[in-house]
Amino acid sequence: MNLRYWNRQHTFGLLVAVFSVLIFTPIVMYIFTWIDHSNILGFDDYLDKFLYNKQYRGKMISLAVVPNLIWFYWSMNKRNYNFTTGIILGSAVYVPYIIYNNFLQ
């Protein structure tokens, strides 16, 4: 991709990907709370683990990146390739953080 041809759709896709991860992270934690049948850990406990345990945080964020596939699939079907490129770049923003938390610590 050439940066000379960067346009609004690229930026919009990048912002959608970054903010959808921020929105879906609490939703993923709530799903884990709902799936936990033992009811030992509530949402507050998962939130504490997210805030204070770096490896757990990296895993939750990597799971929260997965819903970006919905945006990716939708934009590919609409043939909006500039938006798709922004989604890919927005998802790739989290890759160094996830690698650092999951593998280097």
C-alpha atoms as a PDB file:
ATOM      1  CA  MET A   1       0.000   0.000   0.000  1.00  0.00           C
ATOM      2  CA  ASN A   2       1.260   3.394  -0.918  1.00  0.00           C
ATOM      3  CA  LEU A   3       0.741   6.132   1.666  1.00  0.00           C
ATOM      4  CA  ARG A   4       0.233   8.723  -1.053  1.00  0.00           C
ATOM      5  CA  TYR A   5      -3.178   7.187  -1.724  1.00  0.00           C
ATOM      6  CA  TRP A   6      -4.313   7.235   1.906  1.00  0.00           C
ATOM      7  CA  ASN A   7      -7.883   8.488   2.155  1.00  0.00           C
ATOM      8  CA  ARG A   8     -10.785   8.829   4.598  1.00  0.00           C
ATOM      9  CA  GLN A   9     -11.901   5.221   4.210  1.00  0.00           C
ATOM     10  CA  HIS A  10      -8.505   3.962   5.375  1.00  0.00           C
ATOM     11  CA  THR A  11      -8.674   6.209   8.437  1.00  0.00           C
ATOM     12  CA  PHE A  12     -12.269   5.259   9.183  1.00  0.00           C
ATOM     13  CA  GLY A  13     -11.444   1.540   8.963  1.00  0.00           C
ATOM     14  CA  LEU A  14      -8.449   2.002  11.251  1.00  0.00           C
ATOM     15  CA  LEU A  15     -10.517   3.860  13.841  1.00  0.00           C
ATOM     16  CA  VAL A  16     -13.353   1.325  13.681  1.00  0.00           C
ATOM     17  CA  ALA A  17     -10.911  -1.546  14.251  1.00  0.00           C
ATOM     18  CA  VAL A  18      -9.156   0.137  17.181  1.00  0.00           C
ATOM     19  CA  PHE A  19     -12.355   1.231  18.916  1.00  0.00           C
ATOM     20  CA  SER A  20     -14.194  -2.031  18.335  1.00  0.00           C
ATOM     21  CA  VAL A  21     -11.459  -3.825  20.304  1.00  0.00           C
ATOM     22  CA  LEU A  22     -11.963  -1.346  23.135  1.00  0.00           C
ATOM     23  CA  ILE A  23     -15.707  -2.003  23.022  1.00  0.00           C
ATOM     24  CA  PHE A  24     -15.495  -5.782  22.727  1.00  0.00           C
ATOM     25  CA  THR A  25     -12.968  -6.321  25.546  1.00  0.00           C
ATOM     26  CA  PRO A  26     -15.573  -5.888  28.328  1.00  0.00           C
ATOM     27  CA  ILE A  27     -18.027  -7.956  26.290  1.00  0.00           C
ATOM     28  CA  VAL A  28     -15.504 -10.806  26.095  1.00  0.00           C
ATOM     29  CA  MET A  29     -14.974 -10.587  29.859  1.00  0.00           C
ATOM     30  CA  TYR A  30     -18.743 -10.693  30.397  1.00  0.00           C
ATOM     31  CA  ILE A  31     -18.999 -13.767  28.166  1.00  0.00           C
ATOM     32  CA  PHE A  32     -16.342 -15.476  30.282  1.00  0.00           C
ATOM     33  CA  THR A  33     -18.318 -14.560  33.389  1.00  0.00           C
ATOM     34  CA  TRP A  34     -21.485 -15.978  31.849  1.00  0.00           C
ATOM     35  CA  ILE A  35     -19.775 -19.210  30.733  1.00  0.00           C
ATOM     36  CA  ASP A  36     -18.240 -19.785  34.176  1.00  0.00           C
ATOM     37  CA  HIS A  37     -20.785 -22.143  35.716  1.00  0.00           C
ATOM     38  CA  SER A  38     -19.066 -22.364  39.079  1.00  0.00           C
ATOM     39  CA  ASN A  39     -19.981 -18.708  39.825  1.00  0.00           C
ATOM     40  CA  ILE A  40     -16.757 -18.348  41.777  1.00  0.00           C
ATOM     41  CA  LEU A  41     -15.500 -15.495  39.628  1.00  0.00           C
ATOM     42  CA  GLY A  42     -17.757 -12.573  38.857  1.00  0.00           C
ATOM     43  CA  PHE A  43     -17.258  -9.735  36.406  1.00  0.00           C
ATOM     44  CA  ASP A  44     -15.389  -7.735  39.044  1.00  0.00           C
ATOM     45  CA  ASP A  45     -12.904 -10.570  39.488  1.00  0.00           C
ATOM     46  CA  TYR A  46     -12.343 -10.801  35.736  1.00  0.00           C
ATOM     47  CA  LEU A  47     -11.891  -7.037  35.605  1.00  0.00           C
ATOM     48  CA  ASP A  48      -9.284  -7.212  38.386  1.00  0.00           C
ATOM     49  CA  LYS A  49      -7.476  -9.994  36.540  1.00  0.00           C
ATOM     50  CA  PHE A  50      -7.579  -7.884  33.384  1.00  0.00           C
ATOM     51  CA  LEU A  51      -6.184  -4.811  35.102  1.00  0.00           C
ATOM     52  CA  TYR A  52      -3.447  -6.449  37.184  1.00  0.00           C
ATOM     53  CA  ASN A  53      -2.399  -9.581  35.257  1.00  0.00           C
ATOM     54  CA  LYS A  54      -0.521  -8.689  32.075  1.00  0.00           C
ATOM     55  CA  GLN A  55      -0.680 -12.133  30.487  1.00  0.00           C
ATOM     56  CA  TYR A  56      -4.430 -12.334  31.073  1.00  0.00           C
ATOM     57  CA  ARG A  57      -4.818  -8.843  29.607  1.00  0.00           C
ATOM     58  CA  GLY A  58      -2.987  -9.859  26.452  1.00  0.00           C
ATOM     59  CA  LYS A  59      -5.192 -12.907  26.019  1.00  0.00           C
ATOM     60  CA  MET A  60      -8.388 -10.908  26.495  1.00  0.00           C
ATOM     61  CA  ILE A  61      -7.306  -8.276  23.993  1.00  0.00           C
ATOM     62  CA  SER A  62      -6.347 -10.937  21.462  1.00  0.00           C
ATOM     63  CA  LEU A  63      -9.840 -12.428  21.823  1.00  0.00           C
ATOM     64  CA  ALA A  64     -11.375  -8.968  21.474  1.00  0.00           C
ATOM     65  CA  VAL A  65      -9.604  -8.495  18.116  1.00  0.00           C
ATOM     66  CA  VAL A  66     -11.553 -11.434  16.632  1.00  0.00           C
ATOM     67  CA  PRO A  67     -14.819  -9.437  16.129  1.00  0.00           C
ATOM     68  CA  ASN A  68     -12.901  -7.277  13.659  1.00  0.00           C
ATOM     69  CA  LEU A  69     -13.417 -10.193  11.283  1.00  0.00           C
ATOM     70  CA  ILE A  70     -17.067  -9.141  11.086  1.00  0.00           C
ATOM     71  CA  TRP A  71     -16.064  -5.686   9.838  1.00  0.00           C
ATOM     72  CA  PHE A  72     -13.524  -7.267   7.499  1.00  0.00           C
ATOM     73  CA  TYR A  73     -16.052  -9.681   5.998  1.00  0.00           C
ATOM     74  CA  TRP A  74     -18.694  -6.973   5.660  1.00  0.00           C
ATOM     75  CA  SER A  75     -16.340  -4.556   3.896  1.00  0.00           C
ATOM     76  CA  MET A  76     -15.029  -7.270   1.561  1.00  0.00           C
ATOM     77  CA  ASN A  77     -18.594  -8.095   0.509  1.00  0.00           C
ATOM     78  CA  LYS A  78     -19.265  -4.394  -0.135  1.00  0.00           C
ATOM     79  CA  ARG A  79     -16.011  -4.254  -2.146  1.00  0.00           C
ATOM     80  CA  ASN A  80     -14.831  -1.371  -0.002  1.00  0.00           C
ATOM     81  CA  TYR A  81     -11.168  -2.295  -0.104  1.00  0.00           C
ATOM     82  CA  ASN A  82      -9.868   0.921   1.435  1.00  0.00           C
ATOM     83  CA  PHE A  83     -11.989   0.341   4.547  1.00  0.00           C
ATOM     84  CA  THR A  84     -10.775  -3.280   4.595  1.00  0.00           C
ATOM     85  CA  THR A  85      -7.166  -2.102   4.557  1.00  0.00           C
ATOM     86  CA  GLY A  86      -7.905   0.171   7.514  1.00  0.00           C
ATOM     87  CA  ILE A  87      -9.433  -2.756   9.418  1.00  0.00           C
ATOM     88  CA  ILE A  88      -6.341  -4.865   8.802  1.00  0.00           C
ATOM     89  CA  LEU A  89      -4.038  -2.063   9.939  1.00  0.00           C
ATOM     90  CA  GLY A  90      -6.210  -1.341  12.979  1.00  0.00           C
ATOM     91  CA  SER A  91      -6.062  -4.988  14.007  1.00  0.00           C
ATOM     92  CA  ALA A  92      -2.320  -5.056  13.413  1.00  0.00           C
ATOM     93  CA  VAL A  93      -1.887  -2.179  15.869  1.00  0.00           C
ATOM     94  CA  TYR A  94      -2.516  -4.621  18.719  1.00  0.00           C
ATOM     95  CA  VAL A  95      -0.107  -7.327  17.508  1.00  0.00           C
ATOM     96  CA  PRO A  96       3.088  -5.963  19.165  1.00  0.00           C
ATOM     97  CA  TYR A  97       1.286  -5.524  22.487  1.00  0.00           C
ATOM     98  CA  ILE A  98      -0.172  -9.040  22.351  1.00  0.00           C
ATOM     99  CA  ILE A  99       3.182 -10.594  21.452  1.00  0.00           C
ATOM    100  CA  TYR A 100       4.899  -8.691  24.236  1.00  0.00           C
ATOM    101  CA  ASN A 101       2.353  -9.708  26.872  1.00  0.00           C
ATOM    102  CA  ASN A 102       1.882 -13.320  25.831  1.00  0.00           C
ATOM    103  CA  PHE A 103       5.369 -14.381  24.847  1.00  0.00           C
ATOM    104  CA  LEU A 104       8.020 -12.018  26.168  1.00  0.00           C
ATOM    105  CA  GLN A 105       7.016 -11.889  29.822  1.00  0.00           C
END
